[in-house]
Amino acid sequence: MSIDKKRDSAKSFTVGDESDKSACLMMLGIHDAMFIVKEYSIWKLQLADNIDPERKTETLPDTTQKFLSYGAKSEIVSRTLIQANELLKMGRIPDTINIEACLAEVLRVTTGIASLLDIIDNINADFSRAREIIHANARKPTMPLPTFDGLDKEWSAALNCLDEIRSGIRQLAFIFYPSIRRNEKWFVDLREVLIFEAFDMFDTTKHTEALDAVDHDLGFARWLRNAKSHPKDGQRVTLWNYRLMPDGNVAPPSITIEKEKEDAKDIDLVYLLKQLSNAMLFSFEMVLLWLCGSNQKPMMGQRVQIYRRAESDIKIGTPPYCYAIELGGQMKIIG
């Protein structure tokens, strides 16, 4: 069989492994690959033509590779990739907006949050190891205090994840609104162009509160990066390994945050990273909803709204938010 016949012939693929034998729930073409969402994982499918577009290597196979160990049953995938797929691909976004570029940034955010959760798991796993060592040596007059050798690496990786998430959210805003400033003032400009007519779920006060929360959380993530890269008085973080406390307990890894005009705060590192992952997920979700909601035109003479489904209607692979119009006093979901 010639290489052209082989590449152009019908294909079938087996996607998954022993950890996830569920059905494929969604497929997204992003750049030169297809991303397949299953219940517990996301897989990347690349055809031989994507790898070898000039068709020079006849034996080159198509490939499937696990991309993330989080799938449609995960809240982060449901509220990022699946949510964006519904809002961006319903034919409701202006043609001037590059949907594939948007999805690439959404995937970037999804990957960043997933990696942040993996780091939390790594820190918890090492703390379990440390507790076993402490328990085994509790009665000794001199306790060998365990050390988390990879703690600095995990903290640096967490900051990298936050950078990727913030950058993905920012780039998504730039795709919708290319004229906003591409510096630390971008969110100020974004607030000026957003339109909230598509939202009945928030009143003006709640919109302002949500905008302020997103601005604060994205700003704090940026502050953490600056505190590590450019430490100074009022902008400093100190990472602590396992420590024996006055009460005899061993403290898990923690971080001291020294901000200008604030008392220094010592925070459990896992607690901080969990709060940050939740904040970044909320920030992405709200920016996505604001961007899509601000770019809606009437349908059948009715205002198109961003509508939150009832909890009973949110199934696996169905995101929380959708488009809807009001007909006869009832909300009718579009699509």
Protein backbone atom coordinates (compact mmCIF):
# COMPACT_ATOMS: atom_id res chain seq x y z
CA MET A 1 0.00 0.00 0.00
CA SER A 2 1.36 3.43 -0.93
CA ILE A 3 1.94 6.03 1.78
CA ASP A 4 -0.89 8.18 0.37
CA LYS A 5 -3.37 5.28 0.46
CA LYS A 6 -2.27 4.36 3.97
CA ARG A 7 -2.58 7.92 5.30
CA ASP A 8 -5.90 8.61 3.54
CA SER A 9 -7.61 5.34 4.47
CA ALA A 10 -10.27 5.06 7.18
CA LYS A 11 -8.88 4.74 10.70
CA SER A 12 -9.96 3.49 14.08
CA PHE A 13 -8.26 4.22 17.39
CA THR A 14 -8.18 2.74 20.86
CA VAL A 15 -7.79 5.56 23.36
CA GLY A 16 -7.21 4.88 27.04
CA ASP A 17 -5.45 2.45 29.36
CA GLU A 18 -6.21 0.29 32.38
CA SER A 19 -6.80 3.38 34.52
CA ASP A 20 -9.55 4.72 32.26
CA LYS A 21 -11.65 2.41 30.09
CA SER A 22 -14.52 4.91 29.86
CA ALA A 23 -16.01 6.24 26.65
CA CYS A 24 -14.67 9.25 24.78
CA LEU A 25 -16.96 12.13 25.74
CA MET A 26 -15.51 15.03 23.79
CA MET A 27 -12.91 15.70 21.10
CA LEU A 28 -11.18 19.03 20.51
CA GLY A 29 -8.88 19.86 17.63
CA ILE A 30 -6.19 22.25 18.83
CA HIS A 31 -3.31 23.13 16.52
CA ASP A 32 -1.81 19.88 15.19
CA ALA A 33 -3.49 17.45 17.59
CA MET A 34 -6.85 16.10 18.72
CA PHE A 35 -7.52 16.11 22.46
CA ILE A 36 -9.94 13.42 23.63
CA VAL A 37 -11.73 13.84 26.96
CA LYS A 38 -12.71 10.66 28.80
CA GLU A 39 -14.18 10.37 32.29
CA TYR A 40 -10.86 10.18 34.16
CA SER A 41 -8.26 11.42 31.69
CA ILE A 42 -7.47 13.48 28.61
CA TRP A 43 -5.57 11.96 25.70
CA LYS A 44 -3.66 13.54 22.85
CA LEU A 45 -4.07 11.99 19.40
CA GLN A 46 -1.65 12.91 16.64
CA LEU A 47 -2.01 11.57 13.14
CA ALA A 48 1.08 10.67 11.16
CA ASP A 49 0.29 13.58 8.82
CA ASN A 50 0.54 15.98 11.74
CA ILE A 51 4.05 14.71 12.48
CA ASP A 52 5.17 14.14 8.90
CA PRO A 53 3.05 16.42 6.66
CA GLU A 54 5.31 15.84 3.64
CA ARG A 55 4.66 12.09 3.88
CA LYS A 56 8.29 11.01 3.70
CA THR A 57 8.22 8.18 6.26
CA GLU A 58 5.83 5.42 5.24
CA THR A 59 6.04 3.46 8.49
CA LEU A 60 5.30 6.42 10.78
CA PRO A 61 2.32 5.53 13.01
CA ASP A 62 -0.47 7.63 14.44
CA THR A 63 0.02 8.11 18.19
CA THR A 64 -2.12 8.40 21.31
CA GLN A 65 -0.65 9.70 24.57
CA LYS A 66 -2.13 10.41 27.97
CA PHE A 67 -2.11 14.18 28.38
CA LEU A 68 -3.74 14.61 31.81
CA SER A 69 -4.91 12.24 34.52
CA TYR A 70 -8.04 14.35 34.97
CA GLY A 71 -11.15 13.90 32.88
CA ALA A 72 -14.78 14.90 32.57
CA LYS A 73 -15.55 13.74 36.13
CA SER A 74 -13.01 16.24 37.43
CA GLU A 75 -14.34 19.65 38.45
CA ILE A 76 -11.37 21.41 36.89
CA VAL A 77 -11.97 19.85 33.45
CA SER A 78 -15.72 20.43 33.65
CA ARG A 79 -15.30 24.10 34.58
CA THR A 80 -12.50 24.83 32.10
CA LEU A 81 -12.22 22.74 28.95
CA ILE A 82 -15.78 21.38 28.79
CA GLN A 83 -17.26 24.73 29.79
CA ALA A 84 -15.22 26.61 27.19
CA ASN A 85 -16.08 24.09 24.48
CA GLU A 86 -19.79 24.72 25.02
CA LEU A 87 -19.60 28.52 25.16
CA LEU A 88 -17.08 28.97 22.35
CA LYS A 89 -18.40 26.42 19.88
CA MET A 90 -22.12 27.20 19.83
CA GLY A 91 -21.83 29.64 16.92
CA ARG A 92 -22.50 32.49 19.34
CA ILE A 93 -19.01 34.05 19.27
CA PRO A 94 -18.13 36.69 16.62
CA ASP A 95 -16.24 35.36 13.59
CA THR A 96 -13.37 37.74 14.30
CA ILE A 97 -12.40 35.70 17.37
CA ASN A 98 -10.07 32.74 16.81
CA ILE A 99 -11.83 29.89 18.61
CA GLU A 100 -8.94 27.44 18.23
CA ALA A 101 -6.55 29.97 19.77
CA CYS A 102 -9.01 30.42 22.65
CA LEU A 103 -9.19 26.66 23.25
CA ALA A 104 -5.40 26.45 23.25
CA GLU A 105 -5.29 28.98 26.10
CA VAL A 106 -8.07 27.14 27.93
CA LEU A 107 -6.06 23.92 27.67
CA ARG A 108 -3.07 25.80 29.05
CA VAL A 109 -5.11 26.91 32.07
CA THR A 110 -6.53 23.40 32.58
CA THR A 111 -3.03 21.91 32.51
CA GLY A 112 -1.73 24.51 34.95
CA ILE A 113 -4.46 23.86 37.52
CA ALA A 114 -4.10 20.08 37.12
CA SER A 115 -0.34 20.35 37.66
CA LEU A 116 -0.94 22.47 40.76
CA LEU A 117 -3.15 19.72 42.19
CA ASP A 118 -0.42 17.16 41.42
CA ILE A 119 2.07 19.26 43.39
CA ILE A 120 -0.33 19.29 46.34
CA ASP A 121 -0.50 15.48 46.14
CA ASN A 122 3.31 15.29 46.07
CA ILE A 123 3.64 17.44 49.20
CA ASN A 124 0.97 15.43 51.04
CA ALA A 125 2.66 12.16 50.05
CA ASP A 126 6.00 13.31 51.43
CA PHE A 127 4.37 14.50 54.65
CA SER A 128 2.92 10.99 55.09
CA ARG A 129 6.45 9.61 54.66
CA ALA A 130 7.75 12.13 57.21
CA ARG A 131 5.08 11.18 59.76
CA GLU A 132 6.12 7.54 59.53
CA ILE A 133 9.73 8.49 60.27
CA ILE A 134 8.66 10.68 63.18
CA HIS A 135 6.42 7.95 64.61
CA ALA A 136 9.23 5.37 64.37
CA ASN A 137 11.67 7.64 66.23
CA ALA A 138 9.32 9.35 68.67
CA ARG A 139 10.85 7.73 71.78
CA LYS A 140 14.47 8.42 70.91
CA PRO A 141 16.25 11.14 72.92
CA THR A 142 17.41 12.73 69.66
CA MET A 143 14.85 12.67 66.87
CA PRO A 144 16.11 12.58 63.28
CA LEU A 145 13.87 15.25 61.77
CA PRO A 146 12.95 14.34 58.18
CA THR A 147 13.66 16.64 55.25
CA PHE A 148 11.61 17.15 52.10
CA ASP A 149 14.51 17.29 49.64
CA GLY A 150 12.30 18.36 46.73
CA LEU A 151 10.43 21.14 48.51
CA ASP A 152 12.13 24.06 46.73
CA LYS A 153 11.55 22.34 43.40
CA GLU A 154 7.85 21.82 44.16
CA TRP A 155 7.42 25.46 45.18
CA SER A 156 9.14 26.67 42.01
CA ALA A 157 6.93 24.34 39.96
CA ALA A 158 3.83 25.71 41.71
CA LEU A 159 4.83 29.27 40.82
CA ASN A 160 5.38 28.16 37.22
CA CYS A 161 1.86 26.71 37.19
CA LEU A 162 0.44 29.99 38.49
CA ASP A 163 2.37 31.85 35.77
CA GLU A 164 0.88 29.59 33.10
CA ILE A 165 -2.64 29.96 34.45
CA ARG A 166 -2.41 33.75 34.69
CA SER A 167 -0.88 33.95 31.23
CA GLY A 168 -3.59 31.72 29.75
CA ILE A 169 -6.36 33.86 31.26
CA ARG A 170 -4.67 37.05 30.08
CA GLN A 171 -4.09 35.74 26.55
CA LEU A 172 -7.73 34.69 26.34
CA ALA A 173 -8.73 38.27 27.13
CA PHE A 174 -6.33 39.57 24.47
CA ILE A 175 -7.90 37.31 21.83
CA PHE A 176 -11.33 38.82 22.55
CA TYR A 177 -10.06 42.38 23.04
CA PRO A 178 -6.75 42.97 21.23
CA SER A 179 -6.73 46.66 22.13
CA ILE A 180 -6.35 46.27 25.91
CA ARG A 181 -2.93 46.98 27.35
CA ARG A 182 -0.50 44.05 27.39
CA ASN A 183 1.00 44.81 30.78
CA GLU A 184 0.00 44.62 34.44
CA LYS A 185 -2.90 47.03 33.71
CA TRP A 186 -4.67 44.58 31.37
CA PHE A 187 -7.38 43.71 33.88
CA VAL A 188 -8.15 47.38 34.47
CA ASP A 189 -8.79 47.73 30.74
CA LEU A 190 -10.82 44.52 30.62
CA ARG A 191 -13.16 45.79 33.31
CA GLU A 192 -13.90 48.82 31.13
CA VAL A 193 -14.99 46.82 28.06
CA LEU A 194 -17.04 44.05 29.68
CA ILE A 195 -20.81 44.18 29.25
CA PHE A 196 -23.05 42.44 31.78
CA GLU A 197 -26.41 42.45 30.00
CA ALA A 198 -26.17 38.68 29.43
CA PHE A 199 -26.14 37.97 33.15
CA ASP A 200 -29.21 37.70 35.30
CA MET A 201 -27.31 35.63 37.86
CA PHE A 202 -25.46 38.67 39.26
CA ASP A 203 -26.64 42.10 40.24
CA THR A 204 -24.27 45.05 39.82
CA THR A 205 -22.89 44.69 43.35
CA LYS A 206 -22.08 41.01 42.88
CA HIS A 207 -20.41 41.75 39.53
CA THR A 208 -18.20 44.31 41.21
CA GLU A 209 -17.40 41.89 44.05
CA ALA A 210 -16.50 39.13 41.59
CA LEU A 211 -14.33 41.46 39.50
CA ASP A 212 -12.54 42.65 42.64
CA ALA A 213 -11.98 39.05 43.77
CA VAL A 214 -10.51 38.00 40.42
CA ASP A 215 -8.32 41.11 40.31
CA HIS A 216 -7.06 40.39 43.84
CA ASP A 217 -6.38 36.70 43.26
CA LEU A 218 -4.54 37.18 39.96
CA GLY A 219 -2.59 40.01 41.54
CA PHE A 220 -1.62 37.89 44.56
CA ALA A 221 -0.37 35.09 42.31
CA ARG A 222 1.76 37.67 40.49
CA TRP A 223 2.99 39.04 43.83
CA LEU A 224 4.16 35.56 44.90
CA ARG A 225 6.23 35.28 41.70
CA ASN A 226 7.76 38.73 42.29
CA ALA A 227 8.47 37.93 45.94
CA LYS A 228 10.49 34.88 44.92
CA SER A 229 12.24 36.46 41.92
CA HIS A 230 12.78 39.95 43.40
CA PRO A 231 12.68 39.71 47.22
CA LYS A 232 12.83 42.92 49.22
CA ASP A 233 11.36 44.39 52.39
CA GLY A 234 7.59 44.10 52.15
CA GLN A 235 7.85 41.60 49.29
CA ARG A 236 9.31 38.38 50.60
CA VAL A 237 8.38 34.72 51.07
CA THR A 238 10.26 32.22 53.21
CA LEU A 239 9.77 28.50 52.56
CA TRP A 240 10.01 26.22 55.60
CA ASN A 241 10.78 22.51 55.59
CA TYR A 242 9.58 20.23 58.40
CA ARG A 243 9.98 21.91 61.79
CA LEU A 244 9.61 20.71 65.36
CA MET A 245 7.14 23.02 67.09
CA PRO A 246 7.11 23.99 70.81
CA ASP A 247 4.16 21.65 71.44
CA GLY A 248 6.20 18.67 70.23
CA ASN A 249 4.44 18.27 66.89
CA VAL A 250 6.21 18.44 63.57
CA ALA A 251 4.79 21.10 61.27
CA PRO A 252 4.23 20.30 57.58
CA PRO A 253 5.95 22.45 54.94
CA SER A 254 4.84 26.05 55.29
CA ILE A 255 5.55 29.50 53.94
CA THR A 256 5.92 32.88 55.63
CA ILE A 257 4.50 35.77 53.63
CA GLU A 258 5.82 39.27 54.35
CA LYS A 259 3.76 41.95 52.61
CA GLU A 260 4.17 45.68 53.00
CA LYS A 261 2.04 47.19 55.79
CA GLU A 262 0.87 43.71 56.89
CA ASP A 263 1.99 41.40 59.68
CA ALA A 264 3.99 38.38 58.50
CA LYS A 265 1.81 35.30 58.03
CA ASP A 266 2.94 31.70 58.41
CA ILE A 267 0.68 29.49 56.24
CA ASP A 268 0.56 25.74 55.66
CA LEU A 269 1.86 25.31 52.11
CA VAL A 270 -0.75 22.75 51.06
CA TYR A 271 -3.52 24.99 52.40
CA LEU A 272 -2.12 27.94 50.43
CA LEU A 273 -1.85 25.95 47.19
CA LYS A 274 -5.40 24.61 47.57
CA GLN A 275 -6.70 28.15 48.05
CA LEU A 276 -4.73 29.32 45.02
CA SER A 277 -5.98 26.48 42.81
CA ASN A 278 -9.58 27.27 43.77
CA ALA A 279 -8.99 30.99 43.18
CA MET A 280 -7.41 30.41 39.77
CA LEU A 281 -10.28 28.13 38.73
CA PHE A 282 -12.82 30.75 39.79
CA SER A 283 -10.86 33.51 38.05
CA PHE A 284 -10.70 31.59 34.78
CA GLU A 285 -14.37 30.64 34.94
CA MET A 286 -15.51 34.20 35.55
CA VAL A 287 -13.28 35.72 32.85
CA LEU A 288 -14.54 33.13 30.34
CA LEU A 289 -18.17 33.86 31.22
CA TRP A 290 -17.62 37.61 31.08
CA LEU A 291 -15.86 37.42 27.71
CA CYS A 292 -18.51 35.21 26.10
CA GLY A 293 -21.42 37.06 27.72
CA SER A 294 -20.10 40.44 26.58
CA ASN A 295 -20.11 39.31 22.93
CA GLN A 296 -23.70 38.13 22.50
CA LYS A 297 -26.25 39.41 20.00
CA PRO A 298 -30.04 38.95 20.34
CA MET A 299 -31.60 35.71 19.09
CA MET A 300 -35.22 35.63 17.88
CA GLY A 301 -35.52 39.13 19.23
CA GLN A 302 -34.58 37.95 22.71
CA ARG A 303 -31.54 38.74 24.82
CA VAL A 304 -29.14 35.77 25.00
CA GLN A 305 -28.13 35.10 28.58
CA ILE A 306 -25.45 33.13 30.37
CA TYR A 307 -27.53 30.67 32.34
CA ARG A 308 -26.48 28.28 35.12
CA ARG A 309 -28.04 24.86 34.78
CA ALA A 310 -29.85 23.32 37.71
CA GLU A 311 -27.57 21.00 39.68
CA SER A 312 -29.72 18.01 38.64
CA ASP A 313 -29.01 18.84 34.98
CA ILE A 314 -25.22 18.94 35.33
CA LYS A 315 -24.13 15.49 34.19
CA ILE A 316 -20.71 14.09 33.32
CA GLY A 317 -19.54 16.03 30.29
CA THR A 318 -22.17 18.77 30.79
CA PRO A 319 -20.74 22.06 32.06
CA PRO A 320 -22.46 24.29 34.63
CA TYR A 321 -23.16 27.23 32.31
CA CYS A 322 -24.84 27.52 28.92
CA TYR A 323 -26.61 30.02 26.68
CA ALA A 324 -30.36 30.51 27.09
CA ILE A 325 -33.18 32.84 26.09
CA GLU A 326 -36.42 33.59 27.88
CA LEU A 327 -39.54 32.37 26.07
CA GLY A 328 -42.98 32.42 27.61
CA GLY A 329 -41.57 33.25 31.02
CA GLN A 330 -39.23 30.22 31.00
CA MET A 331 -35.54 29.90 30.23
CA LYS A 332 -34.88 27.82 27.11
CA ILE A 333 -31.35 26.49 26.70
CA ILE A 334 -29.80 27.09 23.27
CA GLY A 335 -28.32 23.99 21.69
